[in-house]
Amino acid sequence: MKQQRNLEEKFSTVLQVTDGKGKLVLIGWESDRKLARNFQQIVAPYQQPQEEFLARCLLKSSLNGSEIPFDREHLCAYLDESCFWIGKALAKELAPLNLTPSECFSSARIFAADPKKIFKNYDFSKSKVEKYASLKIKSAAKEHLHLGKEVYKYSPWGLLRHSSKKKFSQALQRHSNLSKTEIQSCLLALEGYKKIYTSCQDTGSQKLTEPTSQQWQDILNFYNKFCWKKNLEPVEDDGQIKEWLNQCIQARIAWEKLDFAPLDEDFTMDPPDEELYFPPQAEELVAVNSVLTGAFLDLELAERQLLKLWYGLGIAQGDIAEVLGIEKQYQVSRKLKNCNKKLLLAVAAWCREVQQMSLNEEVIKEQNEPLTEWLKQYCKGGFNEFLREVLMSNRPYDLPLLRLRYGEALTVKVVAEKLNISPEAVADKLEQVGEYLAGELRQFVADNLDLELPISANKKLADFTNKWLVAAPYGAWY
């Protein structure tokens, strides 16, 4: 299938494939006019942009918040050929599972459509985008395909016991026509089943049998005892409980049947850990972001300063204690937890008032990790934008150098050859840019946070600046 394709084709077309005699067969390439037009606008400012440079620009944009239109779609198209070869390889490696090559290809595509998951730990300074993605996509798809076969190992009653609530929650949301309330009912019935059901089979039998009449009654009683916590109505007989559990089983099996997935579908492969929590839709994400932003601005000044120093710049807690006048370093950690709790309670209040969904204390605590990710993005945002403005306004003449070194990940020697200067001059210029931006960042903190950072914080400021230089989406700056 290897054939020469221009950059526009690589970033704007996807494969059409089919199964043929045990192998994946390429039918052709499907172009997208929208992506083709958008790609022409992306490359317009450059004379001869390199493939790796464009891939990095699109990846940085998709990770940092869509600074380039259709960045994820272009990236998916770019990785589609890799998915083809991954699909062929997995079909051979997983031959005992009797998977079709198209199933393997489809699984790879699903993960390619989620760059935030695949490139979560990506280091722009070490690996090329396609090579790194191929390794990660193949690993993730292989694991997913292996796990997908677990639905065939158990009887229906065994599947209910051995598959997690999170998987059932995902399956019900994707492969049933049930409302949120009905899915809540299914999951509560499942919880009762898991707590009460014990097998009556003979020792050594591999297939679990249906619960006894008494166990069904106990599951029904469990449901009616706890349904009020979920704002659900009690039920009169166990027939409804059986129906809900059957919905769980059917959805769980359907979830593992991989179909070809369109690239513009919003894949979510790694939802929150809470089984009874529904991943928010796009409009809900906007609302949650608004709630958190409002709650953040409602914090006291010292609390906002604390969060921006810790989550934004990564300043050490000892330095934070010094600059904020906190007596003991351990008190910094305590204050951080208190701030997080205030933000989580604001989201819980919004869920209760707007979504009519009550989150208990345990569920709220389990949202600490996504809150931490939100705080990092939010608190870094102002510093990232400031550095971009400083660079564009004060040192635009350094942009070609930075694009080559960090955007295209070229070595200092190659950059020197392209700019017709010595490698030593390139290294000096890069060092000067880093030092200048770190100094400007220190002044920005003094002017905007009204804080004078100690000298010991210089390394953190330099680290922040250097990481920003490596990951900045230069391709979006025309």
Protein backbone atom coordinates (compact mmCIF):
# COMPACT_ATOMS: atom_id res chain seq x y z
CA MET A 1 0.00 0.00 0.00
CA LYS A 2 3.00 2.27 0.34
CA GLN A 3 2.56 5.09 -2.17
CA GLN A 4 3.73 8.66 -2.45
CA ARG A 5 1.12 11.11 -1.20
CA ASN A 6 1.48 14.83 -0.77
CA LEU A 7 1.02 16.56 2.59
CA GLU A 8 -2.54 17.62 1.88
CA GLU A 9 -3.54 14.02 1.18
CA LYS A 10 -1.77 12.75 4.30
CA PHE A 11 -3.58 15.21 6.56
CA SER A 12 -6.97 15.35 4.83
CA THR A 13 -7.85 11.83 3.64
CA VAL A 14 -8.80 8.57 5.36
CA LEU A 15 -8.71 4.95 4.27
CA GLN A 16 -11.55 2.87 2.86
CA VAL A 17 -10.86 -0.78 3.69
CA THR A 18 -12.51 -4.18 3.74
CA ASP A 19 -11.73 -7.72 4.86
CA GLY A 20 -10.42 -10.00 2.15
CA LYS A 21 -9.26 -13.59 2.66
CA GLY A 22 -8.07 -13.02 6.19
CA LYS A 23 -6.30 -9.74 5.56
CA LEU A 24 -7.12 -6.06 5.46
CA VAL A 25 -7.54 -4.75 1.92
CA LEU A 26 -7.30 -1.09 0.91
CA ILE A 27 -10.16 -0.01 -1.35
CA GLY A 28 -9.13 3.61 -1.68
CA TRP A 29 -8.78 6.98 0.01
CA GLU A 30 -11.72 9.14 1.02
CA SER A 31 -11.05 12.87 0.85
CA ASP A 32 -12.74 15.57 2.91
CA ARG A 33 -13.14 18.95 1.20
CA LYS A 34 -13.53 20.73 4.52
CA LEU A 35 -10.22 19.37 5.78
CA ALA A 36 -8.49 19.99 2.45
CA ARG A 37 -9.52 23.67 2.42
CA ASN A 38 -8.55 24.09 6.07
CA PHE A 39 -5.18 22.44 5.49
CA GLN A 40 -4.40 24.85 2.67
CA GLN A 41 -4.97 27.73 5.09
CA ILE A 42 -2.72 26.11 7.70
CA VAL A 43 0.25 25.73 5.34
CA ALA A 44 -0.23 29.05 3.51
CA PRO A 45 2.30 30.99 5.67
CA TYR A 46 5.07 28.45 5.00
CA GLN A 47 7.08 27.87 1.84
CA GLN A 48 7.92 24.19 2.33
CA PRO A 49 6.58 22.95 5.70
CA GLN A 50 7.86 19.58 6.85
CA GLU A 51 5.52 16.70 7.66
CA GLU A 52 6.77 16.31 11.23
CA PHE A 53 6.46 20.04 11.87
CA LEU A 54 2.81 20.02 10.79
CA ALA A 55 2.05 16.90 12.84
CA ARG A 56 3.54 18.53 15.93
CA CYS A 57 1.61 21.76 15.39
CA LEU A 58 -1.67 19.86 15.10
CA LEU A 59 -0.86 17.71 18.14
CA LYS A 60 0.07 20.70 20.28
CA SER A 61 -3.12 22.46 19.23
CA SER A 62 -5.32 19.46 20.04
CA LEU A 63 -3.66 19.07 23.45
CA ASN A 64 -3.74 22.76 24.33
CA GLY A 65 -7.29 23.61 23.36
CA SER A 66 -7.90 23.73 19.58
CA GLU A 67 -5.83 26.72 18.52
CA ILE A 68 -5.90 25.35 14.94
CA PRO A 69 -9.36 24.58 13.46
CA PHE A 70 -10.04 20.87 12.91
CA ASP A 71 -6.71 19.95 14.51
CA ARG A 72 -7.93 16.57 15.81
CA GLU A 73 -9.51 15.63 12.47
CA HIS A 74 -6.27 16.39 10.62
CA LEU A 75 -4.29 14.41 13.18
CA CYS A 76 -6.66 11.43 12.88
CA ALA A 77 -6.31 11.49 9.10
CA TYR A 78 -2.54 11.59 9.45
CA LEU A 79 -2.55 8.54 11.73
CA ASP A 80 -5.07 6.56 9.68
CA GLU A 81 -2.41 4.81 7.61
CA SER A 82 -0.65 3.78 10.83
CA CYS A 83 -3.95 2.31 12.03
CA PHE A 84 -4.08 0.27 8.82
CA TRP A 85 -0.73 -1.39 9.53
CA ILE A 86 -1.60 -1.81 13.20
CA GLY A 87 -4.85 -3.54 12.22
CA LYS A 88 -3.01 -5.97 9.95
CA ALA A 89 -0.41 -6.72 12.61
CA LEU A 90 -2.93 -7.27 15.41
CA ALA A 91 -5.05 -9.58 13.28
CA LYS A 92 -2.02 -11.90 13.06
CA GLU A 93 -0.86 -11.49 16.65
CA LEU A 94 -4.36 -12.09 18.06
CA ALA A 95 -5.28 -14.90 15.66
CA PRO A 96 -6.50 -17.20 18.50
CA LEU A 97 -9.22 -14.63 19.28
CA ASN A 98 -10.68 -15.01 15.76
CA LEU A 99 -10.86 -11.27 15.20
CA THR A 100 -11.29 -9.86 11.71
CA PRO A 101 -8.63 -7.41 10.49
CA SER A 102 -11.31 -4.73 10.21
CA GLU A 103 -12.15 -5.14 13.89
CA CYS A 104 -8.50 -4.61 14.75
CA PHE A 105 -8.29 -1.61 12.43
CA SER A 106 -11.44 -0.12 13.96
CA SER A 107 -10.06 -0.51 17.46
CA ALA A 108 -6.85 1.29 16.46
CA ARG A 109 -8.90 4.10 14.93
CA ILE A 110 -10.82 4.58 18.15
CA PHE A 111 -7.64 5.27 20.08
CA ALA A 112 -6.14 7.43 17.33
CA ALA A 113 -9.19 9.68 17.71
CA ASP A 114 -8.29 10.40 21.33
CA PRO A 115 -4.94 12.26 21.24
CA LYS A 116 -5.19 13.40 24.86
CA LYS A 117 -5.13 9.76 25.92
CA ILE A 118 -2.53 8.47 23.46
CA PHE A 119 -0.15 11.43 23.87
CA LYS A 120 -0.70 11.89 27.61
CA ASN A 121 3.01 11.40 28.44
CA TYR A 122 4.47 12.42 25.09
CA ASP A 123 7.83 14.20 25.13
CA PHE A 124 8.12 16.50 22.09
CA SER A 125 11.90 16.52 22.40
CA LYS A 126 12.39 12.75 22.05
CA SER A 127 9.99 11.08 19.61
CA LYS A 128 8.36 11.67 16.26
CA VAL A 129 4.58 11.95 16.37
CA GLU A 130 3.72 9.03 14.07
CA LYS A 131 6.26 6.62 15.57
CA TYR A 132 5.18 7.35 19.14
CA ALA A 133 1.48 7.18 18.26
CA SER A 134 1.87 3.85 16.48
CA LEU A 135 3.41 2.22 19.54
CA LYS A 136 0.80 3.62 21.92
CA ILE A 137 -2.18 2.92 19.66
CA LYS A 138 -1.12 -0.66 19.05
CA SER A 139 -0.64 -1.31 22.77
CA ALA A 140 -3.98 0.25 23.72
CA ALA A 141 -5.88 -1.51 20.92
CA LYS A 142 -4.32 -4.86 21.73
CA GLU A 143 -5.35 -4.60 25.39
CA HIS A 144 -8.85 -3.47 24.42
CA LEU A 145 -9.32 -6.38 22.01
CA HIS A 146 -8.12 -8.88 24.61
CA LEU A 147 -10.49 -7.52 27.24
CA GLY A 148 -13.35 -7.46 24.76
CA LYS A 149 -13.34 -11.24 24.64
CA GLU A 150 -14.15 -11.55 28.32
CA VAL A 151 -17.86 -11.24 27.55
CA TYR A 152 -17.76 -14.68 25.94
CA LYS A 153 -16.05 -16.41 28.86
CA TYR A 154 -18.98 -16.19 31.26
CA SER A 155 -22.63 -17.03 31.49
CA PRO A 156 -24.89 -13.95 31.73
CA TRP A 157 -24.88 -14.25 35.54
CA GLY A 158 -21.11 -14.61 35.58
CA LEU A 159 -20.67 -11.56 33.34
CA LEU A 160 -22.69 -9.50 35.82
CA ARG A 161 -20.35 -10.62 38.57
CA HIS A 162 -17.00 -10.31 36.80
CA SER A 163 -17.36 -7.09 34.79
CA SER A 164 -17.04 -3.75 36.58
CA LYS A 165 -19.82 -1.23 37.10
CA LYS A 166 -17.80 1.30 35.12
CA LYS A 167 -17.89 -0.92 32.04
CA PHE A 168 -21.62 -1.48 32.42
CA SER A 169 -22.14 2.28 32.80
CA GLN A 170 -20.18 2.96 29.62
CA ALA A 171 -22.00 0.21 27.74
CA LEU A 172 -25.46 1.38 28.78
CA GLN A 173 -24.71 4.94 27.73
CA ARG A 174 -23.40 3.88 24.32
CA HIS A 175 -25.56 0.90 23.46
CA SER A 176 -28.98 1.42 24.96
CA ASN A 177 -31.83 3.85 24.43
CA LEU A 178 -32.37 4.26 28.15
CA SER A 179 -32.67 7.60 29.88
CA LYS A 180 -30.24 8.65 32.60
CA THR A 181 -32.78 7.72 35.25
CA GLU A 182 -33.29 4.27 33.74
CA ILE A 183 -29.53 3.71 33.56
CA GLN A 184 -29.27 4.71 37.23
CA SER A 185 -31.91 2.07 37.97
CA CYS A 186 -29.97 -0.57 36.00
CA LEU A 187 -26.76 0.21 37.88
CA LEU A 188 -28.44 0.17 41.29
CA ALA A 189 -30.01 -3.22 40.47
CA LEU A 190 -26.53 -4.38 39.40
CA GLU A 191 -25.08 -3.17 42.70
CA GLY A 192 -27.66 -5.20 44.59
CA TYR A 193 -26.93 -8.25 42.47
CA LYS A 194 -23.19 -8.02 43.15
CA LYS A 195 -23.71 -7.64 46.89
CA ILE A 196 -26.29 -10.39 47.34
CA TYR A 197 -25.82 -13.05 44.68
CA THR A 198 -23.83 -16.15 45.59
CA SER A 199 -23.67 -19.17 43.32
CA CYS A 200 -25.50 -22.36 44.28
CA GLN A 201 -23.64 -24.45 41.66
CA ASP A 202 -21.55 -27.48 42.36
CA THR A 203 -17.86 -26.93 43.00
CA GLY A 204 -15.85 -26.97 39.79
CA SER A 205 -18.61 -25.74 37.50
CA GLN A 206 -17.50 -22.78 35.36
CA LYS A 207 -20.89 -21.32 34.49
CA LEU A 208 -22.83 -19.43 37.14
CA THR A 209 -26.54 -20.13 37.37
CA GLU A 210 -29.51 -17.81 37.84
CA PRO A 211 -30.14 -16.48 41.38
CA THR A 212 -32.67 -18.32 43.54
CA SER A 213 -36.13 -16.92 44.26
CA GLN A 214 -34.97 -15.78 47.69
CA GLN A 215 -31.93 -14.03 46.21
CA TRP A 216 -34.14 -12.21 43.70
CA GLN A 217 -36.32 -11.04 46.58
CA ASP A 218 -33.25 -9.88 48.50
CA ILE A 219 -31.98 -7.96 45.47
CA LEU A 220 -35.40 -6.34 45.12
CA ASN A 221 -35.35 -5.36 48.80
CA PHE A 222 -31.84 -3.91 48.39
CA TYR A 223 -32.99 -1.81 45.45
CA ASN A 224 -36.04 -0.45 47.28
CA LYS A 225 -33.97 0.26 50.39
CA PHE A 226 -31.43 2.49 48.59
CA CYS A 227 -33.34 3.85 45.60
CA TRP A 228 -34.25 7.05 47.46
CA LYS A 229 -30.57 8.04 47.53
CA LYS A 230 -30.65 8.19 43.72
CA ASN A 231 -34.07 9.86 43.56
CA LEU A 232 -35.50 6.67 42.05
CA GLU A 233 -38.92 5.11 42.56
CA PRO A 234 -39.27 1.72 44.34
CA VAL A 235 -40.52 -1.29 42.34
CA GLU A 236 -43.09 -3.92 43.29
CA ASP A 237 -41.66 -7.18 41.92
CA ASP A 238 -38.35 -8.67 40.83
CA GLY A 239 -39.44 -8.85 37.18
CA GLN A 240 -38.32 -5.25 36.72
CA ILE A 241 -35.00 -6.04 38.41
CA LYS A 242 -34.43 -8.91 35.96
CA GLU A 243 -35.25 -6.65 33.03
CA TRP A 244 -32.72 -4.02 34.16
CA LEU A 245 -30.01 -6.63 34.61
CA ASN A 246 -30.77 -8.03 31.16
CA GLN A 247 -30.30 -4.51 29.77
CA CYS A 248 -26.88 -4.47 31.43
CA ILE A 249 -25.92 -7.78 29.86
CA GLN A 250 -27.07 -6.89 26.34
CA ALA A 251 -25.40 -3.48 26.39
CA ARG A 252 -22.17 -4.95 27.74
CA ILE A 253 -22.00 -7.52 24.93
CA ALA A 254 -22.89 -4.92 22.28
CA TRP A 255 -20.19 -2.60 23.58
CA GLU A 256 -17.50 -5.13 22.68
CA LYS A 257 -18.64 -5.55 19.10
CA LEU A 258 -16.31 -3.16 17.32
CA ASP A 259 -17.74 -1.46 14.25
CA PHE A 260 -16.04 0.96 11.90
CA ALA A 261 -15.96 4.29 13.66
CA PRO A 262 -16.26 7.65 11.84
CA LEU A 263 -13.39 9.97 12.62
CA ASP A 264 -15.62 12.84 13.68
CA GLU A 265 -17.28 10.81 16.44
CA ASP A 266 -16.46 12.05 19.92
CA PHE A 267 -14.75 9.00 21.37
CA THR A 268 -14.33 8.79 25.14
CA MET A 269 -12.24 5.77 26.03
CA ASP A 270 -11.38 6.71 29.58
CA PRO A 271 -14.42 8.06 31.46
CA PRO A 272 -14.35 9.02 35.14
CA ASP A 273 -13.83 6.26 37.70
CA GLU A 274 -17.19 6.72 39.42
CA GLU A 275 -19.50 4.05 37.98
CA LEU A 276 -22.67 6.02 38.57
CA TYR A 277 -21.29 9.28 37.19
CA PHE A 278 -22.27 10.22 33.65
CA PRO A 279 -19.53 11.88 31.57
CA PRO A 280 -20.87 15.34 30.70
CA GLN A 281 -21.81 16.26 27.16
CA ALA A 282 -20.26 19.24 25.40
CA GLU A 283 -22.75 21.79 26.74
CA GLU A 284 -22.40 20.35 30.24
CA LEU A 285 -18.61 20.61 30.03
CA VAL A 286 -18.97 24.29 29.19
CA ALA A 287 -21.29 24.71 32.17
CA VAL A 288 -18.93 22.86 34.54
CA ASN A 289 -16.03 24.98 33.33
CA SER A 290 -18.11 28.09 33.98
CA VAL A 291 -19.02 26.86 37.48
CA LEU A 292 -15.39 26.13 38.33
CA THR A 293 -14.20 29.44 36.91
CA GLY A 294 -16.78 31.32 38.97
CA ALA A 295 -15.91 29.35 42.09
CA PHE A 296 -12.20 30.03 41.52
CA LEU A 297 -12.80 33.78 41.23
CA ASP A 298 -14.88 33.68 44.41
CA LEU A 299 -11.91 32.39 46.40
CA GLU A 300 -9.95 34.79 48.57
CA LEU A 301 -6.98 36.52 46.96
CA ALA A 302 -4.42 34.48 48.93
CA GLU A 303 -6.17 31.26 47.86
CA ARG A 304 -6.08 32.23 44.17
CA GLN A 305 -2.42 33.16 44.52
CA LEU A 306 -1.70 29.81 46.17
CA LEU A 307 -3.39 27.81 43.40
CA LYS A 308 -1.71 29.76 40.58
CA LEU A 309 1.73 29.34 42.11
CA TRP A 310 1.29 25.61 42.78
CA TYR A 311 -0.80 24.38 39.83
CA GLY A 312 0.25 27.06 37.37
CA LEU A 313 3.99 27.49 37.85
CA GLY A 314 4.82 24.46 40.01
CA ILE A 315 6.53 26.61 42.64
CA ALA A 316 7.81 24.51 45.58
CA GLN A 317 5.66 24.53 48.71
CA GLY A 318 8.55 25.89 50.78
CA ASP A 319 8.82 28.93 48.50
CA ILE A 320 5.04 29.34 48.49
CA ALA A 321 5.02 29.35 52.30
CA GLU A 322 7.71 32.04 52.31
CA VAL A 323 6.09 34.33 49.75
CA LEU A 324 2.55 34.02 51.17
CA GLY A 325 3.65 34.32 54.79
CA ILE A 326 2.49 30.84 55.78
CA GLU A 327 4.21 29.80 58.98
CA LYS A 328 4.67 26.05 58.33
CA GLN A 329 5.26 24.31 55.02
CA TYR A 330 2.77 21.53 55.81
CA GLN A 331 0.08 24.20 56.09
CA VAL A 332 0.47 24.87 52.36
CA SER A 333 -0.72 21.34 51.57
CA ARG A 334 -3.64 21.73 53.96
CA LYS A 335 -4.67 25.02 52.37
CA LEU A 336 -4.49 23.47 48.91
CA LYS A 337 -6.86 20.70 50.00
CA ASN A 338 -9.26 23.26 51.45
CA CYS A 339 -9.28 25.21 48.19
CA ASN A 340 -9.92 22.06 46.19
CA LYS A 341 -12.78 21.15 48.50
CA LYS A 342 -14.43 24.54 47.97
CA LEU A 343 -14.31 24.08 44.20
CA LEU A 344 -15.63 20.52 44.37
CA LEU A 345 -18.51 21.61 46.60
CA ALA A 346 -19.39 24.29 44.06
CA VAL A 347 -19.66 21.62 41.34
CA ALA A 348 -21.68 19.38 43.66
CA ALA A 349 -24.08 22.25 44.34
CA TRP A 350 -24.47 22.83 40.60
CA CYS A 351 -25.15 19.11 40.03
CA ARG A 352 -27.80 19.17 42.75
CA GLU A 353 -29.53 22.37 41.63
CA VAL A 354 -29.27 22.15 37.84
CA GLN A 355 -28.75 18.46 37.05
CA GLN A 356 -30.95 17.14 39.89
CA MET A 357 -28.14 14.74 40.73
CA SER A 358 -26.87 14.38 44.28
CA LEU A 359 -23.21 13.46 44.74
CA ASN A 360 -22.30 11.92 48.07
CA GLU A 361 -19.04 12.73 49.84
CA GLU A 362 -17.24 9.69 48.45
CA VAL A 363 -18.14 10.56 44.87
CA ILE A 364 -17.06 14.17 45.39
CA LYS A 365 -13.66 13.06 46.69
CA GLU A 366 -13.17 10.87 43.63
CA GLN A 367 -13.40 13.95 41.40
CA ASN A 368 -10.15 15.31 42.85
CA GLU A 369 -8.09 14.01 39.96
CA PRO A 370 -10.13 15.65 37.16
CA LEU A 371 -10.26 18.83 39.25
CA THR A 372 -6.47 18.79 39.51
CA GLU A 373 -6.20 18.53 35.72
CA TRP A 374 -8.64 21.43 35.32
CA LEU A 375 -6.67 23.55 37.79
CA LYS A 376 -3.41 22.88 35.95
CA GLN A 377 -4.92 23.94 32.63
CA TYR A 378 -6.71 26.96 34.09
CA CYS A 379 -3.81 28.23 36.20
CA LYS A 380 -1.24 27.76 33.44
CA GLY A 381 -3.43 29.47 30.84
CA GLY A 382 -2.64 33.04 31.87
CA PHE A 383 1.10 32.38 32.06
CA ASN A 384 1.11 30.60 28.67
CA GLU A 385 -0.72 33.46 26.98
CA PHE A 386 1.60 36.02 28.57
CA LEU A 387 4.70 34.23 27.24
CA ARG A 388 3.16 34.05 23.77
CA GLU A 389 2.43 37.78 23.78
CA VAL A 390 5.93 38.62 25.00
CA LEU A 391 7.53 36.44 22.34
CA MET A 392 5.36 37.77 19.51
CA SER A 393 5.73 41.41 20.57
CA ASN A 394 9.28 41.63 21.90
CA ARG A 395 11.19 38.91 20.06
CA PRO A 396 9.39 38.02 16.80
CA TYR A 397 12.80 37.67 15.14
CA ASP A 398 13.37 34.53 17.28
CA LEU A 399 10.28 32.72 15.95
CA PRO A 400 12.00 31.06 12.93
CA LEU A 401 14.67 29.74 15.27
CA LEU A 402 12.13 28.39 17.76
CA ARG A 403 9.94 26.86 15.05
CA LEU A 404 12.87 24.92 13.68
CA ARG A 405 14.30 23.82 17.03
CA TYR A 406 11.10 23.03 18.93
CA GLY A 407 8.29 23.01 16.37
CA GLU A 408 10.11 20.68 13.98
CA ALA A 409 12.32 19.12 16.69
CA LEU A 410 15.45 19.62 14.60
CA THR A 411 18.87 19.29 16.16
CA VAL A 412 20.92 22.38 16.93
CA LYS A 413 23.29 21.43 14.11
CA VAL A 414 20.52 21.20 11.51
CA VAL A 415 18.96 24.45 12.72
CA ALA A 416 22.35 26.13 12.36
CA GLU A 417 22.65 24.88 8.78
CA LYS A 418 19.17 26.13 7.86
CA LEU A 419 19.79 29.57 9.36
CA ASN A 420 23.37 29.74 8.11
CA ILE A 421 24.84 30.41 11.56
CA SER A 422 27.05 28.39 13.88
CA PRO A 423 25.66 25.75 16.29
CA GLU A 424 27.18 27.79 19.14
CA ALA A 425 25.18 30.83 18.03
CA VAL A 426 21.99 28.75 17.95
CA ALA A 427 22.62 27.45 21.48
CA ASP A 428 23.36 30.98 22.73
CA LYS A 429 20.21 32.39 21.15
CA LEU A 430 18.05 29.63 22.64
CA GLU A 431 19.54 30.25 26.07
CA GLN A 432 18.96 34.00 25.73
CA VAL A 433 15.30 33.48 24.79
CA GLY A 434 14.74 31.19 27.79
CA GLU A 435 16.41 33.57 30.22
CA TYR A 436 14.54 36.57 28.84
CA LEU A 437 11.13 34.88 29.05
CA ALA A 438 11.81 33.56 32.57
CA GLY A 439 12.71 37.09 33.68
CA GLU A 440 9.57 38.52 32.11
CA LEU A 441 7.53 35.78 33.78
CA ARG A 442 8.94 36.72 37.19
CA GLN A 443 7.95 40.34 36.60
CA PHE A 444 4.48 39.24 35.44
CA VAL A 445 3.98 37.43 38.76
CA ALA A 446 5.05 40.55 40.65
CA ASP A 447 2.72 42.82 38.65
CA ASN A 448 -0.34 40.59 38.41
CA LEU A 449 -0.22 38.46 41.57
CA ASP A 450 1.43 41.18 43.67
CA LEU A 451 4.04 38.66 44.81
CA GLU A 452 7.83 38.82 44.85
CA LEU A 453 9.16 35.32 44.34
CA PRO A 454 12.37 34.31 46.14
CA ILE A 455 15.57 33.59 44.19
CA SER A 456 15.10 29.89 44.96
CA ALA A 457 12.04 29.91 42.67
CA ASN A 458 14.15 30.79 39.60
CA LYS A 459 14.66 27.15 38.64
CA LYS A 460 10.90 26.51 38.60
CA LEU A 461 10.36 29.60 36.44
CA ALA A 462 13.07 28.41 34.06
CA ASP A 463 11.57 24.90 33.95
CA PHE A 464 8.12 26.30 33.19
CA THR A 465 9.49 28.52 30.42
CA ASN A 466 11.55 25.74 28.83
CA LYS A 467 8.61 23.32 28.83
CA TRP A 468 6.43 26.00 27.28
CA LEU A 469 8.99 26.64 24.53
CA VAL A 470 9.06 22.94 23.65
CA ALA A 471 5.27 22.47 23.61
CA ALA A 472 4.15 25.86 22.21
CA PRO A 473 1.98 25.55 19.04
CA TYR A 474 4.18 27.64 16.73
CA GLY A 475 2.20 26.49 13.71
CA ALA A 476 -0.83 28.42 14.97
CA TRP A 477 1.07 31.72 15.12
CA TYR A 478 0.91 33.34 11.74
